[in-house]
Amino acid sequence: MTKQELRVLKQQERDGLDAALHSEWSQQIAMNISQCFEYQRCETLHVYCSMRSEVDTKPIREQAWRDGKRVVVPYVAAQDDMHLHHTEYRSGDAPGTDALGIPVPAVVRPVTVEELRESQTLILVPMLAFNQRLYRLGYGKGYYDRFLTINGVAKFGVAFSFQFADELQPEPHDVPCDAIVTEQGAARRISTS
């Protein structure tokens, strides 16, 4: 199966998830994330704003605000810009959208990659599929592939357990996650050093 075929299949599966289960499992994923050591020690939570059938990240953003963490979300500044930019998201911010129509706060408060490195950051990453070695399949534009080369931060993939696809074969530019968090718990990468 090609990556594009796998994307289509996993998107269809995720789109077909019952709304009540989607909500319940998204809440469980938020709870599972909040119980992880990396979340508890982080000062900054970098989390995508979910859309369509992605795991709903609103519960984890709300938990992070209650826990006094700085919440940062990614955005794309222009259609032809192939890099993620980052903005602080404060509780009560008016909603807006970025150049791709992705939800973000209306007011942009830029955050640099260097600030993310310096601030005990946990990055939560969206995906369509993941494999046993914790590689993810994204939407194919490479935004997160470029961003995840950042060092000194924890990188957790966020998915429903049925998004597992061991036939997923990583390419040389792919960066594995440190963990994948689903409604069933967290699977961590085993260090070989």
N, C-alpha and C. Protein backbone atom coordinates (compact mmCIF):
# COMPACT_ATOMS: atom_id res chain seq x y z
N MET A 1 0.85 -1.19 0.00
CA MET A 1 0.00 0.00 0.00
C MET A 1 0.89 1.24 0.00
N THR A 2 0.61 2.18 -0.87
CA THR A 2 1.39 3.43 -0.92
C THR A 2 1.00 4.32 0.25
N LYS A 3 1.84 5.31 0.52
CA LYS A 3 1.52 6.27 1.58
C LYS A 3 0.21 6.99 1.29
N GLN A 4 -0.01 7.36 0.03
CA GLN A 4 -1.24 8.07 -0.31
C GLN A 4 -2.46 7.18 -0.11
N GLU A 5 -2.37 5.92 -0.48
CA GLU A 5 -3.47 4.98 -0.25
C GLU A 5 -3.74 4.81 1.24
N LEU A 6 -2.67 4.74 2.02
CA LEU A 6 -2.82 4.62 3.47
C LEU A 6 -3.45 5.87 4.06
N ARG A 7 -3.06 7.04 3.55
CA ARG A 7 -3.68 8.29 4.00
C ARG A 7 -5.19 8.28 3.77
N VAL A 8 -5.59 7.89 2.57
CA VAL A 8 -7.01 7.86 2.22
C VAL A 8 -7.75 6.89 3.13
N LEU A 9 -7.20 5.69 3.32
CA LEU A 9 -7.84 4.68 4.15
C LEU A 9 -8.00 5.16 5.59
N LYS A 10 -6.93 5.68 6.17
CA LYS A 10 -6.97 6.09 7.57
C LYS A 10 -7.85 7.34 7.77
N GLN A 11 -7.87 8.22 6.77
CA GLN A 11 -8.75 9.38 6.85
C GLN A 11 -10.21 8.91 6.85
N GLN A 12 -10.54 7.95 5.99
CA GLN A 12 -11.90 7.42 5.93
C GLN A 12 -12.28 6.75 7.25
N GLU A 13 -11.38 5.97 7.80
CA GLU A 13 -11.65 5.30 9.08
C GLU A 13 -11.90 6.32 10.18
N ARG A 14 -11.06 7.34 10.22
CA ARG A 14 -11.20 8.35 11.28
C ARG A 14 -12.48 9.16 11.08
N ASP A 15 -12.78 9.50 9.83
CA ASP A 15 -14.02 10.25 9.54
C ASP A 15 -15.26 9.44 9.92
N GLY A 16 -15.15 8.11 9.89
CA GLY A 16 -16.30 7.26 10.20
C GLY A 16 -16.51 6.98 11.68
N LEU A 17 -15.63 7.52 12.53
CA LEU A 17 -15.76 7.28 13.97
C LEU A 17 -17.03 7.95 14.50
N ASP A 18 -17.80 7.20 15.28
CA ASP A 18 -19.02 7.71 15.92
C ASP A 18 -18.69 8.97 16.74
N ALA A 19 -19.54 9.98 16.66
CA ALA A 19 -19.29 11.27 17.32
C ALA A 19 -19.15 11.12 18.83
N ALA A 20 -19.97 10.27 19.45
CA ALA A 20 -19.89 10.10 20.90
C ALA A 20 -18.57 9.44 21.30
N LEU A 21 -18.13 8.44 20.52
CA LEU A 21 -16.83 7.81 20.79
C LEU A 21 -15.69 8.79 20.55
N HIS A 22 -15.81 9.59 19.50
CA HIS A 22 -14.78 10.60 19.20
C HIS A 22 -14.58 11.51 20.41
N SER A 23 -15.67 11.98 20.97
CA SER A 23 -15.60 12.87 22.13
C SER A 23 -15.05 12.15 23.35
N GLU A 24 -15.57 10.96 23.62
CA GLU A 24 -15.11 10.19 24.79
C GLU A 24 -13.63 9.86 24.69
N TRP A 25 -13.20 9.38 23.51
CA TRP A 25 -11.80 9.00 23.36
C TRP A 25 -10.88 10.22 23.37
N SER A 26 -11.33 11.34 22.83
CA SER A 26 -10.52 12.57 22.88
C SER A 26 -10.31 13.00 24.33
N GLN A 27 -11.35 12.89 25.15
CA GLN A 27 -11.23 13.21 26.58
C GLN A 27 -10.24 12.27 27.26
N GLN A 28 -10.32 10.98 26.91
CA GLN A 28 -9.42 10.00 27.51
C GLN A 28 -7.98 10.27 27.10
N ILE A 29 -7.77 10.64 25.84
CA ILE A 29 -6.43 10.97 25.36
C ILE A 29 -5.88 12.17 26.13
N ALA A 30 -6.72 13.18 26.34
CA ALA A 30 -6.29 14.34 27.11
C ALA A 30 -5.87 13.93 28.52
N MET A 31 -6.64 13.04 29.15
CA MET A 31 -6.29 12.57 30.49
C MET A 31 -4.99 11.78 30.46
N ASN A 32 -4.83 10.93 29.44
CA ASN A 32 -3.59 10.14 29.34
C ASN A 32 -2.37 11.04 29.16
N ILE A 33 -2.51 12.09 28.37
CA ILE A 33 -1.41 13.04 28.18
C ILE A 33 -1.09 13.73 29.50
N SER A 34 -2.12 14.17 30.21
CA SER A 34 -1.91 14.93 31.45
C SER A 34 -1.24 14.10 32.53
N GLN A 35 -1.28 12.78 32.41
CA GLN A 35 -0.65 11.91 33.39
C GLN A 35 0.80 11.56 33.04
N CYS A 36 1.25 11.96 31.87
CA CYS A 36 2.63 11.68 31.46
C CYS A 36 3.59 12.64 32.15
N PHE A 37 4.75 12.11 32.50
CA PHE A 37 5.79 12.90 33.15
C PHE A 37 6.16 14.13 32.31
N GLU A 38 6.28 13.96 31.00
CA GLU A 38 6.69 15.07 30.13
C GLU A 38 5.68 16.20 30.16
N TYR A 39 4.41 15.86 30.27
CA TYR A 39 3.38 16.90 30.39
C TYR A 39 3.49 17.59 31.75
N GLN A 40 3.63 16.81 32.79
CA GLN A 40 3.64 17.37 34.14
C GLN A 40 4.81 18.32 34.36
N ARG A 41 5.94 18.04 33.72
CA ARG A 41 7.11 18.91 33.92
C ARG A 41 7.22 20.03 32.89
N CYS A 42 6.44 19.96 31.82
CA CYS A 42 6.60 20.99 30.77
C CYS A 42 6.07 22.33 31.25
N GLU A 43 6.71 23.37 30.75
CA GLU A 43 6.25 24.74 30.99
C GLU A 43 5.38 25.21 29.83
N THR A 44 5.70 24.70 28.63
CA THR A 44 4.98 25.07 27.41
C THR A 44 4.42 23.82 26.75
N LEU A 45 3.15 23.88 26.40
CA LEU A 45 2.52 22.81 25.63
C LEU A 45 2.28 23.35 24.23
N HIS A 46 2.94 22.73 23.26
CA HIS A 46 2.76 23.08 21.84
C HIS A 46 1.76 22.08 21.29
N VAL A 47 0.58 22.54 20.92
CA VAL A 47 -0.49 21.63 20.53
C VAL A 47 -1.24 22.18 19.33
N TYR A 48 -1.50 21.31 18.36
CA TYR A 48 -2.27 21.73 17.19
C TYR A 48 -3.73 21.98 17.59
N CYS A 49 -4.39 22.87 16.87
CA CYS A 49 -5.83 23.07 17.03
C CYS A 49 -6.52 22.11 16.07
N SER A 50 -7.28 21.20 16.61
CA SER A 50 -7.87 20.14 15.80
C SER A 50 -8.95 20.66 14.87
N MET A 51 -9.11 19.91 13.78
CA MET A 51 -10.18 20.20 12.83
C MET A 51 -10.70 18.88 12.28
N ARG A 52 -11.90 18.93 11.76
CA ARG A 52 -12.58 17.76 11.21
C ARG A 52 -12.50 16.60 12.21
N SER A 53 -12.01 15.44 11.77
CA SER A 53 -12.07 14.25 12.62
C SER A 53 -10.80 14.00 13.44
N GLU A 54 -9.87 14.97 13.47
CA GLU A 54 -8.67 14.81 14.30
C GLU A 54 -9.07 14.66 15.76
N VAL A 55 -8.19 14.03 16.55
CA VAL A 55 -8.40 13.98 17.99
C VAL A 55 -8.63 15.41 18.46
N ASP A 56 -9.70 15.62 19.21
CA ASP A 56 -10.05 16.96 19.70
C ASP A 56 -9.04 17.39 20.76
N THR A 57 -8.30 18.45 20.49
CA THR A 57 -7.28 18.91 21.43
C THR A 57 -7.78 19.99 22.38
N LYS A 58 -9.02 20.40 22.25
CA LYS A 58 -9.55 21.42 23.16
C LYS A 58 -9.46 20.98 24.63
N PRO A 59 -9.80 19.72 24.98
CA PRO A 59 -9.69 19.32 26.39
C PRO A 59 -8.28 19.45 26.95
N ILE A 60 -7.26 19.11 26.16
CA ILE A 60 -5.90 19.20 26.68
C ILE A 60 -5.42 20.65 26.76
N ARG A 61 -5.87 21.50 25.82
CA ARG A 61 -5.53 22.93 25.94
C ARG A 61 -6.14 23.51 27.21
N GLU A 62 -7.41 23.17 27.45
CA GLU A 62 -8.08 23.69 28.66
C GLU A 62 -7.41 23.19 29.93
N GLN A 63 -6.98 21.92 29.92
CA GLN A 63 -6.26 21.38 31.09
C GLN A 63 -4.94 22.12 31.27
N ALA A 64 -4.24 22.37 30.19
CA ALA A 64 -2.95 23.07 30.27
C ALA A 64 -3.14 24.48 30.85
N TRP A 65 -4.18 25.19 30.43
CA TRP A 65 -4.43 26.52 30.99
C TRP A 65 -4.73 26.41 32.49
N ARG A 66 -5.52 25.42 32.89
CA ARG A 66 -5.82 25.23 34.32
C ARG A 66 -4.55 24.93 35.10
N ASP A 67 -3.62 24.22 34.46
CA ASP A 67 -2.37 23.85 35.11
C ASP A 67 -1.32 24.96 35.05
N GLY A 68 -1.66 26.10 34.48
CA GLY A 68 -0.74 27.23 34.44
C GLY A 68 0.35 27.12 33.39
N LYS A 69 0.13 26.30 32.38
CA LYS A 69 1.13 26.15 31.32
C LYS A 69 0.89 27.15 30.20
N ARG A 70 1.96 27.50 29.53
CA ARG A 70 1.86 28.34 28.34
C ARG A 70 1.46 27.44 27.18
N VAL A 71 0.41 27.82 26.47
CA VAL A 71 -0.06 27.04 25.32
C VAL A 71 0.37 27.75 24.05
N VAL A 72 1.02 27.00 23.16
CA VAL A 72 1.48 27.52 21.88
C VAL A 72 0.89 26.63 20.79
N VAL A 73 0.41 27.25 19.72
CA VAL A 73 -0.15 26.49 18.60
C VAL A 73 0.58 26.86 17.31
N PRO A 74 0.63 25.91 16.37
CA PRO A 74 1.27 26.18 15.09
C PRO A 74 0.30 26.84 14.12
N TYR A 75 0.85 27.58 13.17
CA TYR A 75 0.03 28.14 12.09
C TYR A 75 0.89 28.32 10.85
N VAL A 76 0.21 28.43 9.72
CA VAL A 76 0.88 28.69 8.44
C VAL A 76 0.52 30.12 8.04
N ALA A 77 1.54 30.93 7.78
CA ALA A 77 1.34 32.36 7.55
C ALA A 77 0.83 32.69 6.15
N ALA A 78 1.23 31.90 5.15
CA ALA A 78 0.82 32.17 3.77
C ALA A 78 0.73 30.85 3.02
N GLN A 79 -0.11 30.80 1.99
CA GLN A 79 -0.33 29.57 1.22
C GLN A 79 0.97 28.94 0.72
N ASP A 80 1.92 29.76 0.31
CA ASP A 80 3.16 29.23 -0.27
C ASP A 80 4.28 29.10 0.76
N ASP A 81 3.99 29.34 2.03
CA ASP A 81 4.97 29.21 3.11
C ASP A 81 4.98 27.75 3.56
N MET A 82 6.11 27.08 3.45
CA MET A 82 6.18 25.66 3.77
C MET A 82 6.66 25.38 5.19
N HIS A 83 6.64 26.39 6.06
CA HIS A 83 7.11 26.22 7.43
C HIS A 83 6.01 26.56 8.42
N LEU A 84 6.04 25.84 9.54
CA LEU A 84 5.13 26.17 10.63
C LEU A 84 5.67 27.38 11.38
N HIS A 85 4.76 28.25 11.76
CA HIS A 85 5.06 29.35 12.66
C HIS A 85 4.32 29.03 13.95
N HIS A 86 4.58 29.79 15.01
CA HIS A 86 4.04 29.43 16.31
C HIS A 86 3.54 30.68 17.02
N THR A 87 2.40 30.54 17.69
CA THR A 87 1.82 31.66 18.41
C THR A 87 1.30 31.20 19.76
N GLU A 88 1.41 32.06 20.75
CA GLU A 88 0.83 31.76 22.05
C GLU A 88 -0.69 31.81 21.92
N TYR A 89 -1.34 30.91 22.60
CA TYR A 89 -2.80 30.84 22.62
C TYR A 89 -3.23 30.97 24.07
N ARG A 90 -3.94 32.06 24.39
CA ARG A 90 -4.38 32.30 25.76
C ARG A 90 -5.86 31.98 25.90
N SER A 91 -6.21 31.50 27.06
CA SER A 91 -7.62 31.21 27.34
C SER A 91 -8.44 32.47 27.10
N GLY A 92 -9.51 32.33 26.37
CA GLY A 92 -10.37 33.48 26.09
C GLY A 92 -10.04 34.20 24.80
N ASP A 93 -8.95 33.81 24.12
CA ASP A 93 -8.61 34.44 22.84
C ASP A 93 -9.74 34.21 21.83
N ALA A 94 -10.02 35.23 21.04
CA ALA A 94 -11.01 35.10 19.97
C ALA A 94 -10.47 34.13 18.92
N PRO A 95 -11.36 33.31 18.34
CA PRO A 95 -10.90 32.36 17.32
C PRO A 95 -10.64 33.02 15.98
N GLY A 96 -9.72 32.44 15.24
CA GLY A 96 -9.41 32.88 13.88
C GLY A 96 -8.98 31.67 13.08
N THR A 97 -8.44 31.89 11.91
CA THR A 97 -7.90 30.81 11.09
C THR A 97 -6.61 31.28 10.42
N ASP A 98 -5.77 30.31 10.08
CA ASP A 98 -4.53 30.67 9.39
C ASP A 98 -4.74 30.64 7.88
N ALA A 99 -3.65 30.73 7.13
CA ALA A 99 -3.74 30.79 5.66
C ALA A 99 -4.32 29.53 5.04
N LEU A 100 -4.30 28.40 5.78
CA LEU A 100 -4.85 27.15 5.28
C LEU A 100 -6.23 26.85 5.85
N GLY A 101 -6.77 27.79 6.63
CA GLY A 101 -8.08 27.59 7.22
C GLY A 101 -8.07 26.80 8.52
N ILE A 102 -6.89 26.60 9.08
CA ILE A 102 -6.76 25.85 10.33
C ILE A 102 -7.06 26.79 11.50
N PRO A 103 -7.82 26.32 12.49
CA PRO A 103 -8.14 27.18 13.63
C PRO A 103 -6.91 27.61 14.41
N VAL A 104 -6.85 28.89 14.70
CA VAL A 104 -5.80 29.49 15.52
C VAL A 104 -6.42 30.69 16.23
N PRO A 105 -5.74 31.25 17.24
CA PRO A 105 -6.27 32.48 17.83
C PRO A 105 -6.20 33.63 16.83
N ALA A 106 -7.14 34.56 16.94
CA ALA A 106 -7.20 35.70 16.01
C ALA A 106 -5.99 36.62 16.17
N VAL A 107 -5.49 36.73 17.40
CA VAL A 107 -4.34 37.59 17.67
C VAL A 107 -3.07 36.73 17.68
N VAL A 108 -2.10 37.09 16.86
CA VAL A 108 -0.85 36.34 16.79
C VAL A 108 0.16 36.95 17.76
N ARG A 109 0.67 36.09 18.64
CA ARG A 109 1.75 36.44 19.56
C ARG A 109 2.91 35.50 19.25
N PRO A 110 3.80 35.90 18.33
CA PRO A 110 4.82 34.98 17.82
C PRO A 110 5.69 34.36 18.92
N VAL A 111 6.00 33.08 18.71
CA VAL A 111 6.90 32.33 19.57
C VAL A 111 7.95 31.70 18.67
N THR A 112 9.21 31.85 19.02
CA THR A 112 10.29 31.30 18.19
C THR A 112 10.60 29.85 18.58
N VAL A 113 11.25 29.14 17.68
CA VAL A 113 11.69 27.78 17.96
C VAL A 113 12.67 27.79 19.12
N GLU A 114 13.51 28.81 19.17
CA GLU A 114 14.47 28.92 20.29
C GLU A 114 13.74 29.03 21.63
N GLU A 115 12.64 29.79 21.67
CA GLU A 115 11.85 29.88 22.91
C GLU A 115 11.28 28.51 23.29
N LEU A 116 10.86 27.74 22.29
CA LEU A 116 10.33 26.41 22.57
C LEU A 116 11.41 25.52 23.15
N ARG A 117 12.61 25.60 22.61
CA ARG A 117 13.74 24.80 23.12
C ARG A 117 14.07 25.14 24.57
N GLU A 118 13.97 26.41 24.90
CA GLU A 118 14.40 26.89 26.22
C GLU A 118 13.34 26.71 27.31
N SER A 119 12.17 26.23 26.97
CA SER A 119 11.05 26.31 27.89
C SER A 119 10.42 24.97 28.26
N GLN A 120 11.19 23.90 28.36
CA GLN A 120 10.62 22.60 28.73
C GLN A 120 9.31 22.37 27.97
N THR A 121 9.41 22.21 26.67
CA THR A 121 8.23 22.12 25.81
C THR A 121 7.88 20.67 25.49
N LEU A 122 6.58 20.39 25.51
CA LEU A 122 6.03 19.15 25.00
C LEU A 122 5.25 19.49 23.74
N ILE A 123 5.60 18.83 22.63
CA ILE A 123 4.92 19.07 21.35
C ILE A 123 3.96 17.91 21.10
N LEU A 124 2.70 18.24 20.83
CA LEU A 124 1.69 17.25 20.46
C LEU A 124 1.46 17.35 18.96
N VAL A 125 1.56 16.22 18.28
CA VAL A 125 1.60 16.19 16.83
C VAL A 125 0.39 15.43 16.27
N PRO A 126 -0.30 16.01 15.27
CA PRO A 126 -1.41 15.28 14.64
C PRO A 126 -0.89 14.24 13.65
N MET A 127 -1.75 13.30 13.28
CA MET A 127 -1.33 12.28 12.32
C MET A 127 -2.53 11.53 11.78
N LEU A 128 -2.29 10.85 10.67
CA LEU A 128 -3.30 9.95 10.11
C LEU A 128 -3.03 8.50 10.49
N ALA A 129 -1.77 8.15 10.70
CA ALA A 129 -1.41 6.78 11.06
C ALA A 129 -0.07 6.79 11.78
N PHE A 130 0.22 5.66 12.45
CA PHE A 130 1.51 5.49 13.13
C PHE A 130 1.85 4.01 13.12
N ASN A 131 3.14 3.73 13.27
CA ASN A 131 3.56 2.33 13.30
C ASN A 131 4.19 1.99 14.65
N GLN A 132 4.62 0.74 14.78
CA GLN A 132 5.16 0.24 16.04
C GLN A 132 6.42 0.98 16.46
N ARG A 133 7.17 1.50 15.51
CA ARG A 133 8.40 2.23 15.83
C ARG A 133 8.14 3.71 16.09
N LEU A 134 6.87 4.09 16.16
CA LEU A 134 6.40 5.44 16.50
C LEU A 134 6.69 6.48 15.43
N TYR A 135 6.78 6.02 14.18
CA TYR A 135 6.80 6.95 13.05
C TYR A 135 5.35 7.29 12.72
N ARG A 136 5.14 8.49 12.25
CA ARG A 136 3.79 8.96 11.95
C ARG A 136 3.62 9.20 10.46
N LEU A 137 2.38 9.11 10.04
CA LEU A 137 2.01 9.50 8.68
C LEU A 137 1.17 10.75 8.79
N GLY A 138 1.68 11.84 8.21
CA GLY A 138 0.95 13.10 8.23
C GLY A 138 0.15 13.27 6.95
N TYR A 139 -0.13 14.51 6.65
CA TYR A 139 -1.00 14.81 5.51
C TYR A 139 -0.22 14.97 4.21
N GLY A 140 1.11 14.91 4.27
CA GLY A 140 1.90 14.87 3.05
C GLY A 140 2.55 16.19 2.63
N LYS A 141 2.36 17.24 3.40
CA LYS A 141 2.95 18.54 3.04
C LYS A 141 4.33 18.75 3.68
N GLY A 142 4.64 17.98 4.71
CA GLY A 142 5.97 18.05 5.31
C GLY A 142 6.14 19.12 6.38
N TYR A 143 5.07 19.81 6.77
CA TYR A 143 5.21 20.86 7.79
C TYR A 143 5.82 20.31 9.08
N TYR A 144 5.26 19.22 9.58
CA TYR A 144 5.77 18.66 10.83
C TYR A 144 7.10 17.93 10.62
N ASP A 145 7.33 17.33 9.45
CA ASP A 145 8.62 16.70 9.19
C ASP A 145 9.75 17.72 9.38
N ARG A 146 9.56 18.91 8.88
CA ARG A 146 10.58 19.96 9.02
C ARG A 146 10.67 20.44 10.46
N PHE A 147 9.53 20.62 11.09
CA PHE A 147 9.50 21.16 12.46
C PHE A 147 10.06 20.16 13.47
N LEU A 148 9.80 18.88 13.30
CA LEU A 148 10.19 17.90 14.31
C LEU A 148 11.68 17.62 14.38
N THR A 149 12.47 18.26 13.52
CA THR A 149 13.92 18.15 13.63
C THR A 149 14.44 18.95 14.82
N ILE A 150 13.58 19.75 15.45
CA ILE A 150 13.95 20.52 16.63
C ILE A 150 14.42 19.58 17.74
N ASN A 151 15.53 19.91 18.37
CA ASN A 151 16.07 19.09 19.46
C ASN A 151 15.72 19.70 20.81
N GLY A 152 15.79 18.89 21.84
CA GLY A 152 15.61 19.38 23.20
C GLY A 152 14.17 19.52 23.65
N VAL A 153 13.23 18.93 22.91
CA VAL A 153 11.82 18.97 23.30
C VAL A 153 11.25 17.56 23.17
N ALA A 154 10.20 17.27 23.93
CA ALA A 154 9.51 15.98 23.82
C ALA A 154 8.47 16.09 22.71
N LYS A 155 8.34 15.01 21.92
CA LYS A 155 7.42 15.00 20.77
C LYS A 155 6.48 13.81 20.89
N PHE A 156 5.21 14.09 21.15
CA PHE A 156 4.21 13.03 21.30
C PHE A 156 3.23 13.10 20.14
N GLY A 157 3.03 11.96 19.49
CA GLY A 157 1.97 11.85 18.50
C GLY A 157 0.65 11.62 19.20
N VAL A 158 -0.42 12.14 18.62
CA VAL A 158 -1.76 12.03 19.21
C VAL A 158 -2.66 11.36 18.17
N ALA A 159 -3.28 10.24 18.55
CA ALA A 159 -4.08 9.48 17.59
C ALA A 159 -5.06 8.56 18.32
N PHE A 160 -6.02 8.08 17.59
CA PHE A 160 -6.87 7.01 18.09
C PHE A 160 -6.15 5.69 17.82
N SER A 161 -6.39 4.69 18.65
CA SER A 161 -5.64 3.44 18.52
C SER A 161 -5.85 2.75 17.17
N PHE A 162 -7.01 2.93 16.55
CA PHE A 162 -7.25 2.28 15.26
C PHE A 162 -6.45 2.91 14.12
N GLN A 163 -5.73 3.98 14.39
CA GLN A 163 -4.89 4.60 13.37
C GLN A 163 -3.55 3.88 13.22
N PHE A 164 -3.32 2.85 14.04
CA PHE A 164 -2.11 2.04 13.93
C PHE A 164 -2.05 1.40 12.54
N ALA A 165 -0.87 1.43 11.94
CA ALA A 165 -0.67 0.83 10.62
C ALA A 165 0.78 0.39 10.51
N ASP A 166 1.04 -0.85 10.90
CA ASP A 166 2.43 -1.29 10.91
C ASP A 166 3.03 -1.39 9.52
N GLU A 167 2.17 -1.38 8.47
CA GLU A 167 2.72 -1.38 7.10
C GLU A 167 3.35 -0.04 6.73
N LEU A 168 3.17 0.97 7.57
CA LEU A 168 3.77 2.28 7.31
C LEU A 168 5.29 2.16 7.34
N GLN A 169 5.92 2.54 6.24
CA GLN A 169 7.37 2.50 6.13
C GLN A 169 7.93 3.92 6.14
N PRO A 170 8.76 4.27 7.14
CA PRO A 170 9.30 5.62 7.19
C PRO A 170 10.31 5.88 6.07
N GLU A 171 10.43 7.14 5.73
CA GLU A 171 11.42 7.57 4.76
C GLU A 171 12.57 8.25 5.52
N PRO A 172 13.71 8.46 4.87
CA PRO A 172 14.87 8.99 5.58
C PRO A 172 14.62 10.32 6.31
N HIS A 173 13.72 11.16 5.78
CA HIS A 173 13.48 12.46 6.42
C HIS A 173 12.50 12.37 7.59
N ASP A 174 11.85 11.23 7.79
CA ASP A 174 10.86 11.10 8.86
C ASP A 174 11.53 11.07 10.23
N VAL A 175 10.87 11.68 11.20
CA VAL A 175 11.37 11.74 12.57
C VAL A 175 10.38 10.99 13.46
N PRO A 176 10.84 9.98 14.20
CA PRO A 176 9.90 9.26 15.06
C PRO A 176 9.48 10.12 16.25
N CYS A 177 8.31 9.84 16.78
CA CYS A 177 7.84 10.50 17.99
C CYS A 177 8.49 9.81 19.20
N ASP A 178 8.53 10.52 20.31
CA ASP A 178 9.02 9.92 21.56
C ASP A 178 7.95 9.02 22.16
N ALA A 179 6.70 9.33 21.87
CA ALA A 179 5.58 8.51 22.33
C ALA A 179 4.40 8.77 21.40
N ILE A 180 3.48 7.80 21.37
CA ILE A 180 2.18 7.98 20.72
C ILE A 180 1.16 7.80 21.83
N VAL A 181 0.26 8.77 21.97
CA VAL A 181 -0.77 8.69 23.01
C VAL A 181 -2.11 8.47 22.32
N THR A 182 -2.79 7.39 22.74
CA THR A 182 -4.12 7.07 22.25
C THR A 182 -5.06 6.98 23.44
N GLU A 183 -6.31 6.63 23.17
CA GLU A 183 -7.28 6.44 24.26
C GLU A 183 -6.92 5.25 25.14
N GLN A 184 -6.03 4.38 24.65
CA GLN A 184 -5.63 3.21 25.42
C GLN A 184 -4.39 3.45 26.28
N GLY A 185 -3.71 4.57 26.09
CA GLY A 185 -2.52 4.87 26.86
C GLY A 185 -1.41 5.42 25.99
N ALA A 186 -0.19 5.39 26.53
CA ALA A 186 0.97 5.93 25.82
C ALA A 186 1.93 4.81 25.48
N ALA A 187 2.36 4.74 24.22
CA ALA A 187 3.41 3.82 23.78
C ALA A 187 4.66 4.64 23.59
N ARG A 188 5.74 4.21 24.21
CA ARG A 188 6.99 4.98 24.18
C ARG A 188 8.05 4.28 23.34
N ARG A 189 8.91 5.12 22.77
CA ARG A 189 10.06 4.61 22.02
C ARG A 189 11.06 4.07 23.02
N ILE A 190 11.59 2.92 22.71
CA ILE A 190 12.59 2.28 23.60
C ILE A 190 13.97 2.76 23.17
N SER A 191 14.70 3.29 24.12
CA SER A 191 16.05 3.77 23.85
C SER A 191 17.00 2.58 23.72
N THR A 192 17.86 2.63 22.72
CA THR A 192 18.84 1.55 22.53
C THR A 192 20.22 1.95 23.02
N SER A 193 20.32 3.13 23.63
CA SER A 193 21.65 3.56 24.11
C SER A 193 21.89 3.15 25.53
